Amino acid sequence: VLHTCLFASSVKKKNHTMLATSPATSLSGPAACVCKVELRVSCKSLLDRDTLNKSDPCVILMVQTNGQWTELDRTEVIKSNLHPVFGKVFLLDYYFEEVQKLRFEVYDIHGTHSIGTRDDDFLGGVECTLGQIVAQKKMVKPLLLKYGKYAGKSTITVHAEEISGNNGYVELSFQAKKLDDKDLFSKSDPFMEIYRINDDETEQLVHRTEVIKNNLNPVWEPFKVSLISLCSCDEDRKLKCLVWDHDSRGKHDFIGEFYATFREMQKISSGNKVSWDCVNPKYKQKKRNYKNSGVVILTDLKLHRVYSFLDYIMGGCQIHFTVAIDFTASNGDPRNSCSLHYINPYQPNEYLKALIAVGEICQDYDSDKRFSALGFGARIPPNYEVSVSVRAVSIQGVVEAYQNCLPKIQLYGPTNVSPIINRIAKLSAGDGNIKDASRYHILLILTDGVVTDMADTREAIVRGSYQPLSIIIVGVGNADFTDMQILDGDDGVLRSPKGEPVLRDIVQFVPFRDFKTASPAALAKCVLAEVPKQVVEYYSHKSKLNCSTRTYSQYFSK
């Protein structure tokens, strides 16, 4: 039976701006992702494994988890090239406090449809940590074959760039007209490369377009790139753009080049035509009437802001906190000192410790200080009423209401939490329909055992993953909570009984016994660590439906 207690606070509003800055330290805590990192890879002097042509290299990125190496991602295959610069960007979460072991393996890929490495030639590999790459920003290491033997003079270079919370990305669309024809019996097969010119005059590949076959007026697919990668957030930084005629053997013919800046590209937002002459310097020097080898046109530019957790909080998003407490009979008679609900006048029980630790942090992000508390598994004698309403003041008021209701209820069962989740998900769905980011819900469920309606709970979580909702489950007592780990989703994507996956991971489960000797702050930091990411994921997904665009200047003026 669902037993509900609603609490309304009379606490005066505090200065919201001051409160919004408070999570800065906790976000860098042990369980929080510090940032995302982009890795770009190139190689030099690779071994030549092919008899007639050069090697066709591909780099596979492996990560170590629990002592096992698994493939995270791989680059494209570059044909017949011993000095490849790969366009693929690896995106990884960076954790300051963890040793994140990586392995880069280079293979000569045989056949365009090869997806494994069993029949491919191993050109060398290297192991390192993400921390080492981040610390150096540019890591150059020799490639090693099996048993630690050097792969000749082969080296691999890995560039790391941080994608900060206030960063964004730009979507660019290019086409070209009247490109030079480099083929004798057909037309050119053009593709374009964009390089960023760094402060030390080195060039960093930003993007390589697809190849358009047999076309002197190609229209390339739109592509997205982060602003930090494109121009290091410097709108006047030079970008070198090269146009090539693709050759299947890797000996591409140079068509022309031009230099641009992101400031020039922005002019398209004012309705101006943005184009560049594609120039071959050799032709320009030799031919008196030479004008260009074609024209490259920017046809569209969309600038997207990537908001951080603090952007939403400082923008007025309220965190609404709800606690659901397990009142099933397995907790024991509250009058008995062995009960998990026993009220010790000298020390709070585990339910109260968890409630206070999490609630005191959440209350700082809800300006009206109105809290909801739900109970499940209880009967209220003598009429078995399913709800009761109590007025309370802040988290301490919730604590007092909990203590006061224990003598008035009968602990019963079962441990069904799906009605709780469905109730809060329905409430948050109403808030989610509001145009602006205004309220995000955190549901704290305190229970002493595995839920008895696991199938319905999984279904409720999947539905709730589409709403502005995060769920924290704290296991109280010494029960076996192994089955509860399924709901967390850390070991795989949580799915409903029908197989539908969650839109995003919204559940965090921890057993309280792991924090018995730790401070309340340690418990709060652990269970709330994923909330900032979950908030950002929800509003990012929502914004895709109605994505706004701005000029670069507007973006950075915010």
Protein backbone atom coordinates (compact mmCIF):
# COMPACT_ATOMS: atom_id res chain seq x y z
CA VAL A 1 0.00 0.00 0.00
CA LEU A 2 1.42 3.34 -0.96
CA HIS A 3 1.65 5.65 2.02
CA THR A 4 2.35 9.29 1.27
CA CYS A 5 3.61 12.17 3.40
CA LEU A 6 3.85 15.58 1.78
CA PHE A 7 5.98 18.25 3.39
CA ALA A 8 5.97 21.98 2.68
CA SER A 9 8.75 24.22 3.90
CA SER A 10 8.54 27.69 5.38
CA VAL A 11 12.28 28.33 5.14
CA LYS A 12 13.14 31.71 3.63
CA LYS A 13 14.84 31.74 0.23
CA LYS A 14 18.60 32.04 0.26
CA ASN A 15 20.74 33.82 -2.30
CA HIS A 16 20.49 31.47 -5.28
CA THR A 17 23.63 32.69 -7.02
CA MET A 18 25.76 31.90 -3.99
CA LEU A 19 24.29 28.43 -3.72
CA ALA A 20 24.83 27.74 -7.40
CA THR A 21 28.57 28.06 -7.01
CA SER A 22 28.81 25.60 -4.14
CA PRO A 23 29.10 22.34 -6.14
CA ALA A 24 32.31 23.42 -7.84
CA THR A 25 34.44 21.42 -5.42
CA SER A 26 32.17 18.38 -5.22
CA LEU A 27 32.06 18.06 -9.00
CA SER A 28 35.78 17.41 -9.00
CA GLY A 29 35.40 14.71 -6.35
CA PRO A 30 36.42 11.06 -6.72
CA ALA A 31 33.32 9.84 -8.55
CA ALA A 32 32.90 12.78 -10.94
CA CYS A 33 34.14 12.93 -14.51
CA VAL A 34 36.51 15.90 -14.68
CA CYS A 35 36.00 16.49 -18.40
CA LYS A 36 35.91 14.89 -21.81
CA VAL A 37 39.06 14.56 -23.88
CA GLU A 38 39.47 14.30 -27.64
CA LEU A 39 42.34 12.17 -28.92
CA ARG A 40 43.70 12.49 -32.48
CA VAL A 41 46.19 9.99 -33.86
CA SER A 42 48.87 9.98 -36.55
CA CYS A 43 51.77 7.65 -37.35
CA LYS A 44 55.14 7.91 -39.09
CA SER A 45 57.45 5.43 -40.80
CA LEU A 46 55.15 2.44 -40.48
CA LEU A 47 56.37 -0.97 -41.59
CA ASP A 48 55.49 -1.85 -45.18
CA ARG A 49 53.78 -5.24 -45.10
CA ASP A 50 52.44 -5.23 -48.67
CA THR A 51 54.42 -6.47 -51.66
CA LEU A 52 53.03 -4.27 -54.43
CA ASN A 53 51.62 -1.33 -52.44
CA LYS A 54 52.23 0.30 -49.09
CA SER A 55 50.40 -0.75 -45.92
CA ASP A 56 46.75 0.26 -45.42
CA PRO A 57 46.88 1.27 -41.72
CA CYS A 58 44.13 1.49 -39.14
CA VAL A 59 44.52 2.26 -35.41
CA ILE A 60 42.44 0.37 -32.85
CA LEU A 61 42.00 1.93 -29.39
CA MET A 62 41.79 -0.59 -26.54
CA VAL A 63 40.84 0.18 -22.93
CA GLN A 64 41.53 -1.94 -19.87
CA THR A 65 38.62 -2.70 -17.57
CA ASN A 66 39.00 -5.10 -14.63
CA GLY A 67 42.23 -6.38 -16.13
CA GLN A 68 40.66 -7.16 -19.52
CA TRP A 69 41.43 -5.32 -22.77
CA THR A 70 38.44 -4.46 -24.94
CA GLU A 71 38.14 -2.43 -28.13
CA LEU A 72 36.68 1.04 -27.59
CA ASP A 73 36.85 2.38 -31.14
CA ARG A 74 38.96 2.44 -34.30
CA THR A 75 40.05 4.90 -36.95
CA GLU A 76 39.28 4.79 -40.63
CA VAL A 77 41.58 2.83 -42.96
CA ILE A 78 43.99 4.99 -44.97
CA LYS A 79 45.07 3.36 -48.20
CA SER A 80 48.73 2.86 -49.11
CA ASN A 81 50.25 5.27 -46.58
CA LEU A 82 53.16 4.78 -44.19
CA HIS A 83 52.71 8.24 -42.62
CA PRO A 84 48.94 8.38 -41.98
CA VAL A 85 47.12 11.26 -40.31
CA PHE A 86 43.76 9.90 -39.21
CA GLY A 87 40.61 12.00 -39.26
CA LYS A 88 38.80 9.89 -36.64
CA VAL A 89 38.52 11.54 -33.21
CA PHE A 90 38.39 9.39 -30.07
CA LEU A 91 36.23 10.89 -27.30
CA LEU A 92 36.90 9.70 -23.74
CA ASP A 93 35.80 10.63 -20.23
CA TYR A 94 38.79 11.72 -18.15
CA TYR A 95 38.96 10.94 -14.42
CA PHE A 96 41.73 12.64 -12.52
CA GLU A 97 41.76 10.08 -9.69
CA GLU A 98 41.80 6.95 -11.88
CA VAL A 99 44.57 5.21 -13.82
CA GLN A 100 42.92 4.80 -17.24
CA LYS A 101 45.04 2.35 -19.21
CA LEU A 102 44.93 2.59 -23.00
CA ARG A 103 46.52 0.59 -25.81
CA PHE A 104 46.87 1.76 -29.40
CA GLU A 105 47.30 -1.05 -31.95
CA VAL A 106 48.14 -0.39 -35.59
CA TYR A 107 47.17 -2.92 -38.25
CA ASP A 108 47.54 -3.25 -42.00
CA ILE A 109 43.93 -3.91 -42.99
CA HIS A 110 43.28 -6.29 -45.87
CA GLY A 111 40.06 -5.68 -47.76
CA THR A 112 37.50 -2.91 -47.37
CA HIS A 113 35.14 -5.12 -45.38
CA SER A 114 37.62 -6.40 -42.82
CA ILE A 115 36.36 -5.83 -39.30
CA GLY A 116 38.69 -8.10 -37.35
CA THR A 117 42.42 -8.35 -36.90
CA ARG A 118 42.95 -12.10 -37.15
CA ASP A 119 44.18 -11.97 -40.76
CA ASP A 120 45.65 -8.49 -40.64
CA ASP A 121 49.29 -7.64 -40.24
CA PHE A 122 50.22 -6.15 -36.88
CA LEU A 123 52.32 -3.02 -37.44
CA GLY A 124 52.95 -2.25 -33.78
CA GLY A 125 51.34 -0.99 -30.62
CA VAL A 126 51.91 1.05 -27.49
CA GLU A 127 50.47 1.12 -23.99
CA CYS A 128 50.03 4.24 -21.89
CA THR A 129 47.55 5.97 -19.61
CA LEU A 130 45.13 8.71 -20.48
CA GLY A 131 46.74 10.77 -17.73
CA GLN A 132 50.10 10.60 -19.50
CA ILE A 133 48.59 11.83 -22.75
CA VAL A 134 46.68 14.64 -21.04
CA ALA A 135 49.79 15.76 -19.11
CA GLN A 136 51.90 15.91 -22.29
CA LYS A 137 49.11 17.13 -24.62
CA LYS A 138 51.17 15.65 -27.47
CA MET A 139 52.59 12.19 -26.85
CA VAL A 140 55.04 10.61 -29.30
CA LYS A 141 56.07 6.99 -28.70
CA PRO A 142 57.81 4.28 -30.73
CA LEU A 143 55.60 1.39 -31.85
CA LEU A 144 56.49 -2.02 -30.46
CA LEU A 145 55.91 -5.46 -31.93
CA LYS A 146 55.34 -8.58 -29.86
CA TYR A 147 57.83 -9.29 -27.07
CA GLY A 148 58.84 -5.63 -26.92
CA LYS A 149 60.72 -5.51 -30.22
CA TYR A 150 60.81 -2.11 -31.95
CA ALA A 151 58.77 -1.85 -35.18
CA GLY A 152 61.65 -0.26 -37.06
CA LYS A 153 61.48 3.52 -36.80
CA SER A 154 57.68 3.53 -36.54
CA THR A 155 56.14 6.05 -34.16
CA ILE A 156 52.65 7.02 -33.10
CA THR A 157 51.61 10.54 -32.10
CA VAL A 158 48.54 11.19 -29.95
CA HIS A 159 47.21 14.74 -29.45
CA ALA A 160 44.87 15.43 -26.52
CA GLU A 161 42.44 18.33 -26.26
CA GLU A 162 40.07 19.00 -23.39
CA ILE A 163 36.41 19.56 -24.16
CA SER A 164 35.39 21.87 -21.33
CA GLY A 165 31.93 22.30 -19.89
CA ASN A 166 31.34 25.69 -21.54
CA ASN A 167 32.46 24.49 -24.93
CA GLY A 168 30.24 24.00 -27.96
CA TYR A 169 30.39 22.64 -31.45
CA VAL A 170 29.80 23.95 -34.93
CA GLU A 171 28.13 22.22 -37.87
CA LEU A 172 29.59 23.16 -41.24
CA SER A 173 28.43 22.44 -44.80
CA PHE A 174 30.75 22.92 -47.79
CA GLN A 175 30.51 22.53 -51.52
CA ALA A 176 32.83 23.35 -54.43
CA LYS A 177 32.35 24.46 -58.02
CA LYS A 178 34.42 24.11 -61.18
CA LEU A 179 37.29 22.17 -59.63
CA ASP A 180 40.21 21.20 -61.87
CA ASP A 181 39.86 17.84 -63.59
CA LYS A 182 42.84 15.69 -62.63
CA ASP A 183 41.72 12.44 -64.28
CA LEU A 184 42.25 11.56 -67.93
CA PHE A 185 39.22 9.39 -68.63
CA SER A 186 36.87 10.63 -65.90
CA LYS A 187 36.35 13.58 -63.60
CA SER A 188 38.12 14.23 -60.30
CA ASP A 189 37.06 12.47 -57.10
CA PRO A 190 37.42 15.40 -54.68
CA PHE A 191 37.69 15.48 -50.90
CA MET A 192 38.72 18.29 -48.56
CA GLU A 193 40.90 18.48 -45.45
CA ILE A 194 40.81 21.24 -42.82
CA TYR A 195 43.89 21.84 -40.67
CA ARG A 196 44.21 24.15 -37.67
CA ILE A 197 47.41 26.20 -37.54
CA ASN A 198 48.74 26.02 -33.97
CA ASP A 199 50.73 28.70 -32.16
CA ASP A 200 53.98 26.88 -32.98
CA GLU A 201 53.02 26.85 -36.70
CA THR A 202 52.37 23.10 -36.66
CA GLU A 203 49.26 21.83 -38.40
CA GLN A 204 46.57 19.70 -36.76
CA LEU A 205 44.02 17.85 -38.89
CA VAL A 206 40.53 18.89 -37.83
CA HIS A 207 38.35 17.14 -40.40
CA ARG A 208 38.57 15.13 -43.61
CA THR A 209 35.44 14.99 -45.75
CA GLU A 210 34.18 11.99 -47.63
CA VAL A 211 35.17 11.44 -51.27
CA ILE A 212 32.67 12.51 -53.95
CA LYS A 213 33.19 10.32 -57.00
CA ASN A 214 33.51 11.72 -60.53
CA ASN A 215 32.28 15.24 -59.74
CA LEU A 216 33.81 18.67 -60.28
CA ASN A 217 31.01 20.35 -58.31
CA PRO A 218 30.92 18.27 -55.13
CA VAL A 219 28.54 18.84 -52.23
CA TRP A 220 30.04 17.32 -49.08
CA GLU A 221 28.05 16.04 -46.16
CA PRO A 222 27.62 18.45 -43.20
CA PHE A 223 29.92 17.65 -40.30
CA LYS A 224 30.21 18.65 -36.65
CA VAL A 225 33.38 19.63 -34.84
CA SER A 226 33.99 21.11 -31.40
CA LEU A 227 35.05 24.74 -31.26
CA ILE A 228 38.15 23.88 -29.26
CA SER A 229 39.22 21.47 -32.01
CA LEU A 230 38.39 23.77 -34.90
CA CYS A 231 40.06 26.99 -33.76
CA SER A 232 41.01 26.63 -30.06
CA CYS A 233 38.15 29.10 -29.40
CA ASP A 234 40.12 31.76 -31.32
CA GLU A 235 37.97 33.07 -34.16
CA ASP A 236 41.01 34.62 -35.90
CA ARG A 237 43.14 31.46 -35.87
CA LYS A 238 44.18 30.42 -39.38
CA LEU A 239 42.66 27.32 -40.92
CA LYS A 240 44.40 25.69 -43.86
CA CYS A 241 42.04 23.91 -46.25
CA LEU A 242 43.28 21.49 -48.90
CA VAL A 243 41.30 19.96 -51.77
CA TRP A 244 42.51 16.69 -53.31
CA ASP A 245 41.58 14.30 -56.11
CA HIS A 246 41.33 10.91 -54.40
CA ASP A 247 43.48 8.04 -55.65
CA SER A 248 42.68 4.48 -54.56
CA ARG A 249 46.40 3.73 -54.21
CA GLY A 250 46.86 6.63 -51.80
CA LYS A 251 48.70 8.92 -54.25
CA HIS A 252 46.16 11.75 -54.16
CA ASP A 253 46.49 14.61 -56.67
CA PHE A 254 46.60 18.11 -55.22
CA ILE A 255 43.88 20.41 -56.62
CA GLY A 256 44.31 23.53 -54.52
CA GLU A 257 44.26 25.21 -51.14
CA PHE A 258 42.94 28.25 -49.32
CA TYR A 259 43.19 29.82 -45.87
CA ALA A 260 40.19 30.79 -43.74
CA THR A 261 39.27 31.86 -40.24
CA PHE A 262 36.19 31.16 -38.22
CA ARG A 263 35.47 34.87 -38.16
CA GLU A 264 35.14 34.80 -41.95
CA MET A 265 32.87 31.77 -41.78
CA GLN A 266 30.47 33.52 -39.39
CA LYS A 267 29.59 36.09 -42.03
CA ILE A 268 27.19 33.57 -43.52
CA SER A 269 24.87 34.19 -40.56
CA SER A 270 24.28 37.72 -41.87
CA GLY A 271 23.17 36.43 -45.23
CA ASN A 272 26.52 37.05 -46.93
CA LYS A 273 28.04 34.65 -49.40
CA VAL A 274 31.17 33.02 -47.98
CA SER A 275 33.53 31.47 -50.52
CA TRP A 276 37.23 31.08 -51.22
CA ASP A 277 39.30 30.64 -54.36
CA CYS A 278 40.92 27.21 -54.32
CA VAL A 279 44.45 27.99 -55.50
CA ASN A 280 47.32 25.77 -56.67
CA PRO A 281 50.47 27.83 -55.85
CA LYS A 282 52.48 26.19 -58.66
CA TYR A 283 49.88 27.07 -61.28
CA LYS A 284 49.62 30.62 -59.94
CA GLN A 285 53.36 31.07 -60.26
CA LYS A 286 53.65 29.60 -63.76
CA LYS A 287 50.43 30.73 -65.44
CA ARG A 288 49.97 34.45 -66.07
CA ASN A 289 46.16 34.38 -66.44
CA TYR A 290 45.61 31.75 -63.75
CA LYS A 291 42.73 32.64 -61.39
CA ASN A 292 41.93 29.50 -59.41
CA SER A 293 41.41 25.75 -59.57
CA GLY A 294 37.82 26.08 -58.43
CA VAL A 295 35.79 27.78 -55.72
CA VAL A 296 34.90 26.36 -52.29
CA ILE A 297 31.65 27.65 -50.77
CA LEU A 298 30.42 27.51 -47.19
CA THR A 299 26.69 26.87 -47.58
CA ASP A 300 25.64 26.58 -43.94
CA LEU A 301 26.97 27.14 -40.43
CA LYS A 302 25.18 26.19 -37.22
CA LEU A 303 26.70 26.97 -33.85
CA HIS A 304 25.48 24.89 -30.90
CA ARG A 305 26.06 25.63 -27.25
CA VAL A 306 26.95 22.70 -24.98
CA TYR A 307 25.68 23.59 -21.53
CA SER A 308 27.22 22.39 -18.29
CA PHE A 309 25.45 21.45 -15.08
CA LEU A 310 26.24 24.82 -13.55
CA ASP A 311 24.86 26.58 -16.64
CA TYR A 312 21.46 25.03 -15.90
CA ILE A 313 21.65 25.67 -12.15
CA MET A 314 22.72 29.29 -12.59
CA GLY A 315 20.08 29.67 -15.28
CA GLY A 316 17.33 28.95 -12.75
CA CYS A 317 16.90 25.16 -12.86
CA GLN A 318 15.50 23.95 -9.51
CA ILE A 319 16.33 20.55 -8.02
CA HIS A 320 13.20 19.06 -6.44
CA PHE A 321 14.03 16.41 -3.85
CA THR A 322 11.77 13.47 -2.93
CA VAL A 323 12.55 10.68 -0.48
CA ALA A 324 10.79 7.29 -0.40
CA ILE A 325 11.23 5.21 2.73
CA ASP A 326 10.79 1.44 3.10
CA PHE A 327 8.22 0.62 5.81
CA THR A 328 8.07 -3.15 5.18
CA ALA A 329 8.01 -5.64 8.06
CA SER A 330 11.50 -6.95 7.27
CA ASN A 331 12.89 -3.78 8.90
CA GLY A 332 11.79 -5.07 12.32
CA ASP A 333 9.57 -3.54 14.98
CA PRO A 334 10.64 0.12 15.42
CA ARG A 335 10.27 -0.32 19.20
CA ASN A 336 13.02 -2.98 19.15
CA SER A 337 16.61 -1.74 19.26
CA CYS A 338 17.52 -4.28 16.53
CA SER A 339 15.10 -2.66 14.07
CA LEU A 340 16.48 -0.59 11.23
CA HIS A 341 13.78 1.97 12.09
CA TYR A 342 14.69 2.12 15.79
CA ILE A 343 14.99 5.71 17.00
CA ASN A 344 18.12 5.96 19.13
CA PRO A 345 18.13 9.29 20.99
CA TYR A 346 21.93 9.40 20.81
CA GLN A 347 22.56 8.31 17.22
CA PRO A 348 20.45 8.46 14.02
CA ASN A 349 19.63 5.17 12.31
CA GLU A 350 20.83 4.36 8.77
CA TYR A 351 17.64 5.67 7.18
CA LEU A 352 18.13 9.06 8.82
CA LYS A 353 21.85 9.20 8.04
CA ALA A 354 21.23 8.62 4.33
CA LEU A 355 18.27 11.01 4.24
CA ILE A 356 20.19 13.84 5.92
CA ALA A 357 23.41 13.35 3.91
CA VAL A 358 21.67 13.54 0.53
CA GLY A 359 18.84 15.89 1.43
CA GLU A 360 21.01 18.63 2.88
CA ILE A 361 22.85 18.98 -0.42
CA CYS A 362 19.75 18.84 -2.62
CA GLN A 363 17.88 21.45 -0.58
CA ASP A 364 20.38 24.13 -1.60
CA TYR A 365 19.14 23.92 -5.19
CA ASP A 366 15.42 24.26 -4.50
CA SER A 367 14.56 27.89 -3.73
CA ASP A 368 11.09 27.27 -2.27
CA LYS A 369 12.35 24.42 -0.04
CA ARG A 370 9.25 22.26 -0.60
CA PHE A 371 10.06 18.58 -0.08
CA SER A 372 8.05 15.45 -0.79
CA ALA A 373 8.34 12.24 1.22
CA LEU A 374 6.75 8.92 0.31
CA GLY A 375 6.47 5.67 2.22
CA PHE A 376 5.87 2.18 0.85
CA GLY A 377 4.99 -1.14 2.42
CA ALA A 378 3.09 0.36 5.40
CA ARG A 379 -0.45 0.05 6.75
CA ILE A 380 -2.04 2.82 8.77
CA PRO A 381 -4.44 1.35 11.37
CA PRO A 382 -7.29 1.27 12.07
CA ASN A 383 -8.81 2.22 8.70
CA TYR A 384 -5.78 1.37 6.53
CA GLU A 385 -5.68 4.84 4.99
CA VAL A 386 -3.19 5.15 2.15
CA SER A 387 -1.96 8.68 2.74
CA VAL A 388 -1.36 11.27 5.41
CA SER A 389 -0.30 14.90 5.12
CA VAL A 390 2.12 16.63 7.46
CA ARG A 391 3.68 20.11 7.42
CA ALA A 392 7.45 20.27 7.90
CA VAL A 393 10.38 22.69 7.83
CA SER A 394 13.38 21.84 5.59
CA ILE A 395 15.15 18.47 5.83
CA GLN A 396 14.99 18.58 9.62
CA GLY A 397 11.21 18.82 9.28
CA VAL A 398 11.22 15.68 7.13
CA VAL A 399 13.25 13.92 9.83
CA GLU A 400 10.78 14.91 12.52
CA ALA A 401 7.82 13.79 10.39
CA TYR A 402 9.50 10.41 9.84
CA GLN A 403 10.06 9.96 13.56
CA ASN A 404 6.51 10.99 14.40
CA CYS A 405 4.84 8.63 11.92
CA LEU A 406 6.62 5.44 13.06
CA PRO A 407 4.34 4.81 16.10
CA LYS A 408 1.24 5.38 13.95
CA ILE A 409 1.87 2.85 11.16
CA GLN A 410 2.10 -0.92 10.84
CA LEU A 411 5.13 -2.24 8.95
CA TYR A 412 3.85 -4.63 6.31
CA GLY A 413 4.84 -5.20 2.67
CA PRO A 414 5.68 -5.97 -0.09
CA THR A 415 8.74 -3.98 -1.26
CA ASN A 416 7.17 -2.47 -4.37
CA VAL A 417 8.90 0.68 -5.63
CA SER A 418 7.50 0.92 -9.17
CA PRO A 419 4.42 2.90 -7.96
CA ILE A 420 6.82 5.40 -6.36
CA ILE A 421 8.90 5.80 -9.52
CA ASN A 422 5.81 6.07 -11.74
CA ARG A 423 4.35 8.72 -9.46
CA ILE A 424 7.45 10.94 -9.55
CA ALA A 425 8.00 10.30 -13.27
CA LYS A 426 4.43 11.47 -13.97
CA LEU A 427 5.01 14.57 -11.85
CA SER A 428 8.32 15.33 -13.59
CA ALA A 429 6.71 14.79 -17.01
CA GLY A 430 4.48 17.76 -16.29
CA ASP A 431 7.54 19.86 -15.43
CA GLY A 432 9.34 18.59 -18.53
CA ASN A 433 6.68 20.09 -20.77
CA ILE A 434 7.70 23.57 -19.66
CA LYS A 435 9.74 25.24 -22.41
CA ASP A 436 12.61 26.45 -20.25
CA ALA A 437 14.72 24.28 -17.95
CA SER A 438 12.93 24.91 -14.66
CA ARG A 439 12.78 21.80 -12.47
CA TYR A 440 14.69 18.54 -12.25
CA HIS A 441 13.65 15.77 -9.85
CA ILE A 442 15.85 13.60 -7.64
CA LEU A 443 14.16 10.59 -6.06
CA LEU A 444 15.98 9.01 -3.11
CA ILE A 445 14.71 5.49 -2.32
CA LEU A 446 15.80 3.99 1.01
CA THR A 447 15.12 0.25 1.28
CA ASP A 448 16.29 -2.71 3.36
CA GLY A 449 16.04 -5.36 0.66
CA VAL A 450 15.69 -6.29 -2.98
CA VAL A 451 12.48 -4.98 -4.56
CA THR A 452 9.75 -7.56 -5.16
CA ASP A 453 8.39 -5.92 -8.33
CA MET A 454 11.66 -5.97 -10.28
CA ALA A 455 10.03 -6.28 -13.72
CA ASP A 456 7.66 -3.36 -13.09
CA THR A 457 10.53 -1.34 -11.60
CA ARG A 458 12.66 -1.84 -14.71
CA GLU A 459 9.73 -0.74 -16.85
CA ALA A 460 9.21 2.35 -14.66
CA ILE A 461 12.91 3.31 -14.86
CA VAL A 462 12.91 3.04 -18.66
CA ARG A 463 9.86 5.32 -18.81
CA GLY A 464 11.41 7.67 -16.26
CA SER A 465 14.63 7.99 -18.27
CA TYR A 466 12.73 10.23 -20.72
CA GLN A 467 11.79 12.66 -17.92
CA PRO A 468 13.82 15.20 -15.88
CA LEU A 469 14.47 12.60 -13.20
CA SER A 470 17.38 10.90 -11.41
CA ILE A 471 16.92 7.99 -8.99
CA ILE A 472 19.23 7.20 -6.08
CA ILE A 473 18.72 3.90 -4.26
CA VAL A 474 20.45 3.31 -0.93
CA GLY A 475 20.37 -0.22 0.47
CA VAL A 476 20.01 -0.12 4.27
CA GLY A 477 21.00 -3.05 6.50
CA ASN A 478 22.91 -6.26 5.75
CA ALA A 479 20.71 -7.83 3.07
CA ASP A 480 22.13 -9.26 -0.16
CA PHE A 481 21.67 -6.45 -2.68
CA THR A 482 23.28 -8.23 -5.64
CA ASP A 483 20.10 -8.15 -7.74
CA MET A 484 19.76 -4.40 -7.13
CA GLN A 485 22.96 -3.76 -9.09
CA ILE A 486 20.97 -4.57 -12.24
CA LEU A 487 19.05 -1.31 -11.85
CA ASP A 488 22.25 0.75 -11.73
CA GLY A 489 23.12 0.02 -15.34
CA ASP A 490 26.88 0.29 -14.72
CA ASP A 491 27.43 -3.26 -16.01
CA GLY A 492 25.33 -2.73 -19.13
CA VAL A 493 22.31 -0.91 -20.47
CA LEU A 494 19.20 -1.41 -18.35
CA ARG A 495 16.25 -2.67 -20.37
CA SER A 496 12.56 -3.10 -19.72
CA PRO A 497 11.12 -6.65 -19.66
CA LYS A 498 10.20 -6.09 -23.33
CA GLY A 499 13.80 -5.24 -24.22
CA GLU A 500 13.48 -1.45 -24.55
CA PRO A 501 16.68 0.28 -23.35
CA VAL A 502 16.77 3.34 -21.12
CA LEU A 503 17.25 6.62 -22.96
CA ARG A 504 19.94 7.55 -20.42
CA ASP A 505 21.32 6.06 -17.21
CA ILE A 506 19.33 7.63 -14.34
CA VAL A 507 19.86 5.17 -11.45
CA GLN A 508 22.65 5.06 -8.88
CA PHE A 509 22.62 2.26 -6.28
CA VAL A 510 24.89 1.97 -3.23
CA PRO A 511 24.66 -0.19 -0.09
CA PHE A 512 24.85 1.99 3.02
CA ARG A 513 27.15 -0.51 4.78
CA ASP A 514 29.97 0.56 2.46
CA PHE A 515 29.83 3.99 4.13
CA LYS A 516 29.20 3.03 7.76
CA THR A 517 32.59 4.31 8.88
CA ALA A 518 32.76 7.16 6.37
CA SER A 519 31.55 10.70 6.78
CA PRO A 520 28.05 11.72 5.56
CA ALA A 521 29.79 13.82 2.91
CA ALA A 522 31.38 10.69 1.42
CA LEU A 523 27.98 9.02 0.97
CA ALA A 524 26.46 12.15 -0.54
CA LYS A 525 29.37 12.62 -2.92
CA CYS A 526 29.13 9.02 -4.12
CA VAL A 527 25.37 8.89 -4.71
CA LEU A 528 25.12 12.38 -6.20
CA ALA A 529 28.24 12.13 -8.39
CA GLU A 530 26.34 11.12 -11.52
CA VAL A 531 23.51 13.65 -11.12
CA PRO A 532 25.28 16.59 -12.88
CA LYS A 533 25.93 14.41 -15.93
CA GLN A 534 22.35 13.11 -15.89
CA VAL A 535 20.96 16.65 -15.76
CA VAL A 536 23.08 17.71 -18.73
CA GLU A 537 22.15 14.58 -20.70
CA TYR A 538 18.44 15.17 -20.19
CA TYR A 539 18.44 18.81 -21.30
CA SER A 540 20.89 18.10 -24.14
CA HIS A 541 18.55 15.44 -25.48
CA LYS A 542 15.59 17.77 -25.08
CA SER A 543 17.36 20.60 -26.90
CA LYS A 544 17.97 18.43 -29.96
CA LEU A 545 14.27 18.68 -30.73
CA ASN A 546 14.46 22.45 -30.91
CA CYS A 547 18.11 23.30 -31.41
CA SER A 548 18.98 26.99 -31.41
CA THR A 549 21.87 28.57 -33.29
CA ARG A 550 23.95 31.63 -32.64
CA THR A 551 26.88 33.46 -34.12
CA TYR A 552 30.24 32.91 -32.48
CA SER A 553 30.18 36.35 -30.86
CA GLN A 554 26.71 35.73 -29.36
CA TYR A 555 27.87 32.38 -28.06
CA PHE A 556 30.83 33.74 -26.14
CA SER A 557 28.98 36.80 -24.88
CA LYS A 558 26.74 34.55 -22.76
